[in-house]
Amino acid sequence: MKKAAIVILNWNGQELLKKFLPSVIQYSSYPDVDIVVADNDSSDDSLNFLQLNYPQIRLIALPDNYGFAEGYNLALKEVSAEYFILLNSDVEVTENWLSVIDYLDNNQDLVAAQPKILSQRDKTHFEYAGAAGGFIDKYGYPFCRGRIFQSVEEDQGQYDDPIDVLWATGACLFIRSKDFLDAGGFDGSFFAHMEEIDLCWRLNSRGKRIVCLPSSKVYHVGAATLKTESPRKTYLNFRNNLLMLYKNLPQASLKRIMIIRLILDYIAAMQFTLTGKFSNAKEVIRAHKDFYNNRKGYRNSRKENLNKMTNPQLETIYNKSILAAYYFKGIRVFSRLYRSK
């Protein structure tokens, strides 16, 4: 078994591999670490490019595009390492990025971690998907230390301390393989988006700790596969968020939270409509229909999560509404959010 395996899931990302794989090779000379590219049935000649230019990299060719969640589940079944390091193909790593391995080695009570995620397009600012560690509010809305909704902070060292988080971003996720597999991996039905939050919530609820270690940093392009305004992305985000809530919320709060989310999501659909984004509005409605039509299929997952839950009241869940803080109190930075409690 290797110490760690850096596993990059690729789908038609040849140009991203050309640009960012050299940094991974340059800065990943840590002892006993493999680099693996798992390909989701790309049609852009990614595999030939890798075979010709990077014969030292192990390739896993999947027969179909299984999305982020199930693609990683299938690929990681073929990887033997103490640590899985999930890395997006649009990430530029830096010299000290693998120091997270040493940190996890020295803190056996931790199961997963992420580095500080900065924007590859503007390296002075945090990146949307992860920033300096992920959280959710009581209604399931994700935000980060360094990013609340569309407000992304400049990195001035204000979040350079390690901190416990609810979720570590799938863009660059270090996780003990045993804990990943014991928790069942990602929910493959999510396809993409929110699968890492769902997994990390499960781990948190079972008494596991996840941290952001900002002394390690990487630069992420973000939205390289599905653009921010994509109706498909809107559908996946809204549907998967509802599934995540249903699977992980304690019974006492489930009904109330789901009713409030129904109202809030239909307000979001109206907002899409008022701004001319009719396709996005339709996808919000479709997400709710699909969730309620398929909810029965997740009863066993919910039952398992509740049975294994040892800590239903998580400190890493913000116990108020991030929407109210952002839109009514004008809170745009993470540090102000927690001072307002």
Protein backbone atom coordinates (compact mmCIF):
# COMPACT_ATOMS: atom_id res chain seq x y z
CA MET A 1 0.00 0.00 0.00
CA LYS A 2 1.26 3.45 -0.95
CA LYS A 3 1.37 6.30 1.55
CA ALA A 4 -0.86 8.45 -0.64
CA ALA A 5 -2.41 8.53 -4.09
CA ILE A 6 -3.16 11.78 -5.88
CA VAL A 7 -6.19 10.93 -7.99
CA ILE A 8 -7.29 13.35 -10.71
CA LEU A 9 -10.69 12.66 -12.25
CA ASN A 10 -10.72 13.78 -15.86
CA TRP A 11 -13.51 14.32 -18.36
CA ASN A 12 -12.55 16.03 -21.62
CA GLY A 13 -9.94 18.01 -19.72
CA GLN A 14 -6.93 17.60 -21.98
CA GLU A 15 -6.21 21.33 -22.05
CA LEU A 16 -6.46 21.55 -18.27
CA LEU A 17 -4.10 18.59 -17.89
CA LYS A 18 -1.61 20.26 -20.22
CA LYS A 19 -1.69 23.40 -18.12
CA PHE A 20 -1.80 22.09 -14.56
CA LEU A 21 -0.40 18.56 -14.48
CA PRO A 22 3.22 19.83 -14.67
CA SER A 23 2.83 21.56 -11.29
CA VAL A 24 1.45 18.36 -9.77
CA ILE A 25 4.45 16.39 -10.98
CA GLN A 26 6.93 19.09 -9.97
CA TYR A 27 5.65 19.48 -6.41
CA SER A 28 4.61 15.92 -5.59
CA SER A 29 7.95 14.26 -4.95
CA TYR A 30 6.84 13.27 -1.45
CA PRO A 31 8.03 9.71 -0.67
CA ASP A 32 5.70 6.86 -1.64
CA VAL A 33 3.08 8.95 -3.45
CA ASP A 34 1.44 7.86 -6.71
CA ILE A 35 -0.20 10.12 -9.28
CA VAL A 36 -3.28 8.60 -10.91
CA VAL A 37 -5.59 9.98 -13.59
CA ALA A 38 -9.03 8.38 -13.75
CA ASP A 39 -10.78 9.16 -17.01
CA ASN A 40 -14.58 9.41 -17.28
CA ASP A 41 -14.75 8.18 -20.90
CA SER A 42 -13.34 11.37 -22.44
CA SER A 43 -13.72 12.02 -26.15
CA ASP A 44 -11.01 14.69 -26.43
CA ASP A 45 -7.94 12.43 -26.74
CA SER A 46 -7.00 12.90 -23.08
CA LEU A 47 -5.83 9.30 -22.71
CA ASN A 48 -3.52 9.40 -25.74
CA PHE A 49 -2.08 12.70 -24.53
CA LEU A 50 -1.29 11.21 -21.11
CA GLN A 51 0.15 7.98 -22.51
CA LEU A 52 2.46 9.86 -24.86
CA ASN A 53 3.60 12.62 -22.50
CA TYR A 54 3.28 11.16 -18.99
CA PRO A 55 3.97 7.41 -19.14
CA GLN A 56 4.88 7.48 -15.43
CA ILE A 57 1.30 8.33 -14.46
CA ARG A 58 -1.10 5.49 -13.81
CA LEU A 59 -4.29 5.64 -15.90
CA ILE A 60 -7.69 4.27 -14.97
CA ALA A 61 -10.05 4.29 -17.95
CA LEU A 62 -13.70 4.20 -16.91
CA PRO A 63 -16.16 2.96 -19.58
CA ASP A 64 -18.65 5.82 -19.19
CA ASN A 65 -18.99 9.32 -17.74
CA TYR A 66 -20.07 8.57 -14.18
CA GLY A 67 -19.78 12.15 -12.96
CA PHE A 68 -17.63 13.33 -10.09
CA ALA A 69 -19.22 11.24 -7.34
CA GLU A 70 -19.48 7.77 -8.85
CA GLY A 71 -16.43 8.34 -11.04
CA TYR A 72 -14.31 8.73 -7.93
CA ASN A 73 -16.05 5.85 -6.16
CA LEU A 74 -15.19 3.49 -9.01
CA ALA A 75 -11.65 4.80 -9.49
CA LEU A 76 -10.74 4.66 -5.81
CA LYS A 77 -11.74 1.00 -5.62
CA GLU A 78 -8.68 0.39 -7.82
CA VAL A 79 -6.31 2.47 -5.67
CA SER A 80 -4.45 1.19 -2.62
CA ALA A 81 -3.09 3.97 -0.38
CA GLU A 82 -3.36 5.18 3.20
CA TYR A 83 -4.52 8.58 1.98
CA PHE A 84 -6.63 9.46 -1.03
CA ILE A 85 -5.89 12.94 -2.38
CA LEU A 86 -8.70 13.99 -4.69
CA LEU A 87 -7.51 16.77 -6.98
CA ASN A 88 -9.42 18.59 -9.71
CA SER A 89 -7.75 18.80 -13.10
CA ASP A 90 -7.98 22.61 -12.97
CA VAL A 91 -5.82 23.00 -9.84
CA GLU A 92 -2.29 24.42 -9.74
CA VAL A 93 -0.47 23.08 -6.71
CA THR A 94 2.44 24.69 -4.85
CA GLU A 95 5.69 23.50 -3.34
CA ASN A 96 4.39 22.73 0.16
CA TRP A 97 0.95 21.46 -0.68
CA LEU A 98 1.55 17.85 0.44
CA SER A 99 2.45 18.98 3.97
CA VAL A 100 -1.17 18.10 4.76
CA ILE A 101 -0.07 14.45 4.84
CA ASP A 102 2.36 15.15 7.71
CA TYR A 103 -0.34 17.09 9.56
CA LEU A 104 -2.76 14.19 9.33
CA ASP A 105 -0.03 11.77 10.37
CA ASN A 106 0.60 13.87 13.48
CA ASN A 107 -3.11 14.25 14.29
CA GLN A 108 -4.66 10.82 14.20
CA ASP A 109 -8.05 12.15 15.34
CA LEU A 110 -8.46 13.90 11.98
CA VAL A 111 -9.92 12.04 9.02
CA ALA A 112 -9.76 14.63 6.25
CA ALA A 113 -8.37 18.04 5.37
CA GLN A 114 -8.09 20.61 2.64
CA PRO A 115 -5.46 23.27 1.92
CA LYS A 116 -6.22 26.95 1.45
CA ILE A 117 -7.89 27.30 -1.96
CA LEU A 118 -7.05 30.49 -3.85
CA SER A 119 -8.28 31.62 -7.25
CA GLN A 120 -6.02 30.67 -10.13
CA ARG A 121 -7.40 33.63 -12.08
CA ASP A 122 -6.71 36.13 -9.28
CA LYS A 123 -4.23 34.70 -6.83
CA THR A 124 -4.80 37.45 -4.28
CA HIS A 125 -8.33 36.20 -3.57
CA PHE A 126 -9.91 33.03 -2.26
CA GLU A 127 -11.60 30.68 -4.67
CA TYR A 128 -15.35 30.13 -4.51
CA ALA A 129 -15.33 26.34 -4.11
CA GLY A 130 -13.58 25.79 -0.81
CA ALA A 131 -11.68 28.95 0.15
CA ALA A 132 -10.33 28.39 3.70
CA GLY A 133 -12.80 25.69 4.74
CA GLY A 134 -16.48 24.89 4.30
CA PHE A 135 -19.57 25.26 6.50
CA ILE A 136 -23.34 25.14 6.10
CA ASP A 137 -26.11 27.01 7.89
CA LYS A 138 -29.09 25.40 9.62
CA TYR A 139 -31.01 25.28 6.32
CA GLY A 140 -28.22 23.56 4.39
CA TYR A 141 -26.79 26.54 2.48
CA PRO A 142 -23.02 26.15 2.02
CA PHE A 143 -20.51 28.93 2.57
CA CYS A 144 -16.79 29.14 3.27
CA ARG A 145 -14.29 30.89 5.44
CA GLY A 146 -13.40 33.52 2.86
CA ARG A 147 -16.55 33.26 0.70
CA ILE A 148 -20.22 33.85 1.45
CA PHE A 149 -22.44 33.37 -1.60
CA GLN A 150 -20.89 35.48 -4.38
CA SER A 151 -18.77 37.65 -2.05
CA VAL A 152 -15.21 36.33 -2.20
CA GLU A 153 -12.63 37.87 0.13
CA GLU A 154 -9.07 38.91 -0.59
CA ASP A 155 -6.56 36.69 1.17
CA GLN A 156 -4.72 38.87 3.68
CA GLY A 157 -3.71 36.06 6.00
CA GLN A 158 -6.87 36.55 8.06
CA TYR A 159 -7.71 32.83 7.92
CA ASP A 160 -4.26 31.29 8.17
CA ASP A 161 -4.99 29.33 11.34
CA PRO A 162 -6.05 25.67 11.06
CA ILE A 163 -9.73 25.26 11.89
CA ASP A 164 -12.31 22.50 12.16
CA VAL A 165 -14.78 22.67 9.28
CA LEU A 166 -17.95 20.84 8.31
CA TRP A 167 -16.71 20.10 4.80
CA ALA A 168 -13.50 20.05 2.84
CA THR A 169 -13.76 20.84 -0.84
CA GLY A 170 -13.61 18.04 -3.39
CA ALA A 171 -11.37 20.27 -5.51
CA CYS A 172 -8.47 19.24 -3.26
CA LEU A 173 -9.47 16.74 -0.58
CA PHE A 174 -7.07 14.75 1.58
CA ILE A 175 -8.87 11.87 3.29
CA ARG A 176 -7.89 8.65 5.01
CA SER A 177 -8.89 5.86 2.64
CA LYS A 178 -10.28 3.73 5.43
CA ASP A 179 -12.67 6.45 6.57
CA PHE A 180 -13.72 7.24 2.99
CA LEU A 181 -14.58 3.61 2.35
CA ASP A 182 -16.12 2.96 5.78
CA ALA A 183 -18.48 5.90 5.26
CA GLY A 184 -19.55 4.50 1.90
CA GLY A 185 -17.69 7.03 -0.21
CA PHE A 186 -19.65 9.59 -2.17
CA ASP A 187 -23.33 9.16 -2.93
CA GLY A 188 -23.04 8.20 -6.60
CA SER A 189 -26.57 9.37 -7.36
CA PHE A 190 -25.48 12.98 -6.80
CA PHE A 191 -23.45 12.80 -10.04
CA ALA A 192 -21.75 16.12 -9.25
CA HIS A 193 -22.02 18.97 -6.71
CA MET A 194 -22.49 18.71 -2.94
CA GLU A 195 -21.27 15.11 -2.76
CA GLU A 196 -18.27 16.13 -0.64
CA ILE A 197 -20.49 18.10 1.74
CA ASP A 198 -22.79 15.10 2.12
CA LEU A 199 -19.82 12.80 2.84
CA CYS A 200 -18.18 15.22 5.27
CA TRP A 201 -21.48 15.79 7.11
CA ARG A 202 -21.74 12.03 7.59
CA LEU A 203 -18.20 11.93 8.96
CA ASN A 204 -18.78 14.90 11.28
CA SER A 205 -21.98 13.35 12.62
CA ARG A 206 -20.07 10.18 13.43
CA GLY A 207 -17.61 12.10 15.60
CA LYS A 208 -14.89 12.55 12.98
CA ARG A 209 -12.92 15.79 12.58
CA ILE A 210 -12.13 17.59 9.31
CA VAL A 211 -9.86 20.62 9.06
CA CYS A 212 -8.58 23.29 6.72
CA LEU A 213 -4.78 23.63 6.85
CA PRO A 214 -3.96 27.02 5.26
CA SER A 215 -0.17 26.54 5.45
CA SER A 216 -0.73 24.39 2.37
CA LYS A 217 -2.21 26.25 -0.58
CA VAL A 218 -3.33 25.56 -4.13
CA TYR A 219 -4.86 27.63 -6.92
CA HIS A 220 -8.18 26.53 -8.43
CA VAL A 221 -9.75 27.74 -11.68
CA GLY A 222 -13.27 26.62 -10.74
CA ALA A 223 -16.40 26.05 -12.87
CA ALA A 224 -14.25 24.44 -15.54
CA THR A 225 -16.77 21.67 -16.31
CA LEU A 226 -20.18 23.26 -15.62
CA LYS A 227 -20.31 27.04 -15.79
CA THR A 228 -21.79 29.03 -12.89
CA GLU A 229 -25.04 29.90 -14.68
CA SER A 230 -25.58 26.45 -16.19
CA PRO A 231 -29.19 25.24 -15.72
CA ARG A 232 -27.77 21.74 -15.29
CA LYS A 233 -25.63 22.99 -12.40
CA THR A 234 -28.65 24.75 -10.89
CA TYR A 235 -30.60 21.49 -10.99
CA LEU A 236 -27.83 19.44 -9.41
CA ASN A 237 -27.15 21.98 -6.68
CA PHE A 238 -30.79 22.29 -5.62
CA ARG A 239 -31.65 18.59 -5.91
CA ASN A 240 -28.49 17.38 -4.20
CA ASN A 241 -28.87 19.89 -1.39
CA LEU A 242 -32.35 18.55 -0.65
CA LEU A 243 -31.08 14.97 -0.74
CA MET A 244 -28.23 15.90 1.59
CA LEU A 245 -30.62 17.48 4.09
CA TYR A 246 -32.97 14.50 3.98
CA LYS A 247 -30.16 12.02 4.52
CA ASN A 248 -28.41 13.85 7.36
CA LEU A 249 -30.81 16.01 9.37
CA PRO A 250 -31.85 14.72 12.82
CA GLN A 251 -35.48 13.66 12.95
CA ALA A 252 -36.51 16.48 15.31
CA SER A 253 -35.66 19.18 12.77
CA LEU A 254 -36.28 17.44 9.44
CA LYS A 255 -39.90 18.46 8.72
CA ARG A 256 -39.47 22.10 9.74
CA ILE A 257 -36.26 22.55 7.76
CA MET A 258 -37.68 20.94 4.63
CA ILE A 259 -40.77 23.16 4.69
CA ILE A 260 -38.64 26.29 5.04
CA ARG A 261 -36.35 25.12 2.24
CA LEU A 262 -39.35 24.58 -0.03
CA ILE A 263 -40.38 28.20 0.50
CA LEU A 264 -36.84 29.58 0.08
CA ASP A 265 -36.17 27.57 -3.06
CA TYR A 266 -39.37 28.75 -4.71
CA ILE A 267 -38.35 32.31 -3.88
CA ALA A 268 -35.06 31.54 -5.64
CA ALA A 269 -37.01 30.27 -8.65
CA MET A 270 -38.99 33.52 -8.76
CA GLN A 271 -35.73 35.47 -8.59
CA PHE A 272 -34.37 33.51 -11.55
CA THR A 273 -37.59 34.30 -13.44
CA LEU A 274 -37.46 38.01 -12.66
CA THR A 275 -33.88 38.21 -13.93
CA GLY A 276 -34.71 36.41 -17.18
CA LYS A 277 -33.09 33.10 -16.26
CA PHE A 278 -36.15 31.03 -17.11
CA SER A 279 -34.25 27.77 -17.67
CA ASN A 280 -32.66 28.03 -14.23
CA ALA A 281 -36.07 28.68 -12.65
CA LYS A 282 -37.48 25.56 -14.31
CA GLU A 283 -34.55 23.52 -13.02
CA VAL A 284 -35.27 24.56 -9.42
CA ILE A 285 -38.84 23.29 -9.81
CA ARG A 286 -37.63 20.10 -11.48
CA ALA A 287 -35.12 19.54 -8.67
CA HIS A 288 -37.91 19.63 -6.09
CA LYS A 289 -40.15 17.32 -8.10
CA ASP A 290 -37.37 14.79 -8.57
CA PHE A 291 -36.42 14.94 -4.90
CA TYR A 292 -39.95 14.26 -3.67
CA ASN A 293 -40.58 11.59 -6.32
CA ASN A 294 -37.39 9.73 -5.37
CA ARG A 295 -37.16 10.39 -1.65
CA LYS A 296 -38.29 6.88 -0.71
CA GLY A 297 -35.18 5.47 -2.34
CA TYR A 298 -33.03 7.25 0.24
CA ARG A 299 -34.79 5.99 3.36
CA ASN A 300 -32.19 3.31 3.98
CA SER A 301 -29.35 5.83 3.64
CA ARG A 302 -31.10 8.14 6.10
CA LYS A 303 -31.73 5.29 8.53
CA GLU A 304 -28.07 4.24 8.39
CA ASN A 305 -26.87 7.81 8.95
CA LEU A 306 -29.16 8.30 11.95
CA ASN A 307 -28.14 4.97 13.45
CA LYS A 308 -24.44 5.83 13.18
CA MET A 309 -24.87 9.44 14.30
CA THR A 310 -23.06 10.17 17.57
CA ASN A 311 -23.16 13.97 17.43
CA PRO A 312 -26.38 15.48 16.01
CA GLN A 313 -25.58 19.04 17.21
CA LEU A 314 -22.52 20.02 15.21
CA GLU A 315 -20.59 23.19 16.01
CA THR A 316 -19.51 23.33 12.38
CA ILE A 317 -23.11 24.04 11.34
CA TYR A 318 -24.01 27.74 11.63
CA ASN A 319 -27.16 27.72 13.78
CA LYS A 320 -28.76 30.70 12.04
CA SER A 321 -29.68 31.62 8.47
CA ILE A 322 -26.79 32.62 6.23
CA LEU A 323 -29.38 34.15 3.87
CA ALA A 324 -30.60 36.50 6.61
CA ALA A 325 -27.05 37.39 7.61
CA TYR A 326 -26.05 38.15 4.02
CA TYR A 327 -29.12 39.88 2.61
CA PHE A 328 -30.63 41.59 5.67
CA LYS A 329 -27.64 42.23 7.93
CA GLY A 330 -25.22 42.95 5.09
CA ILE A 331 -22.59 40.51 6.35
CA ARG A 332 -20.21 39.73 3.52
CA VAL A 333 -17.15 38.30 5.33
CA PHE A 334 -16.82 35.19 7.43
CA SER A 335 -15.20 36.88 10.44
CA ARG A 336 -18.15 39.28 10.84
CA LEU A 337 -20.60 36.42 10.54
CA TYR A 338 -19.44 34.74 13.70
CA ARG A 339 -19.00 37.98 15.66
CA SER A 340 -22.70 38.68 15.00
CA LYS A 341 -23.92 35.55 16.78
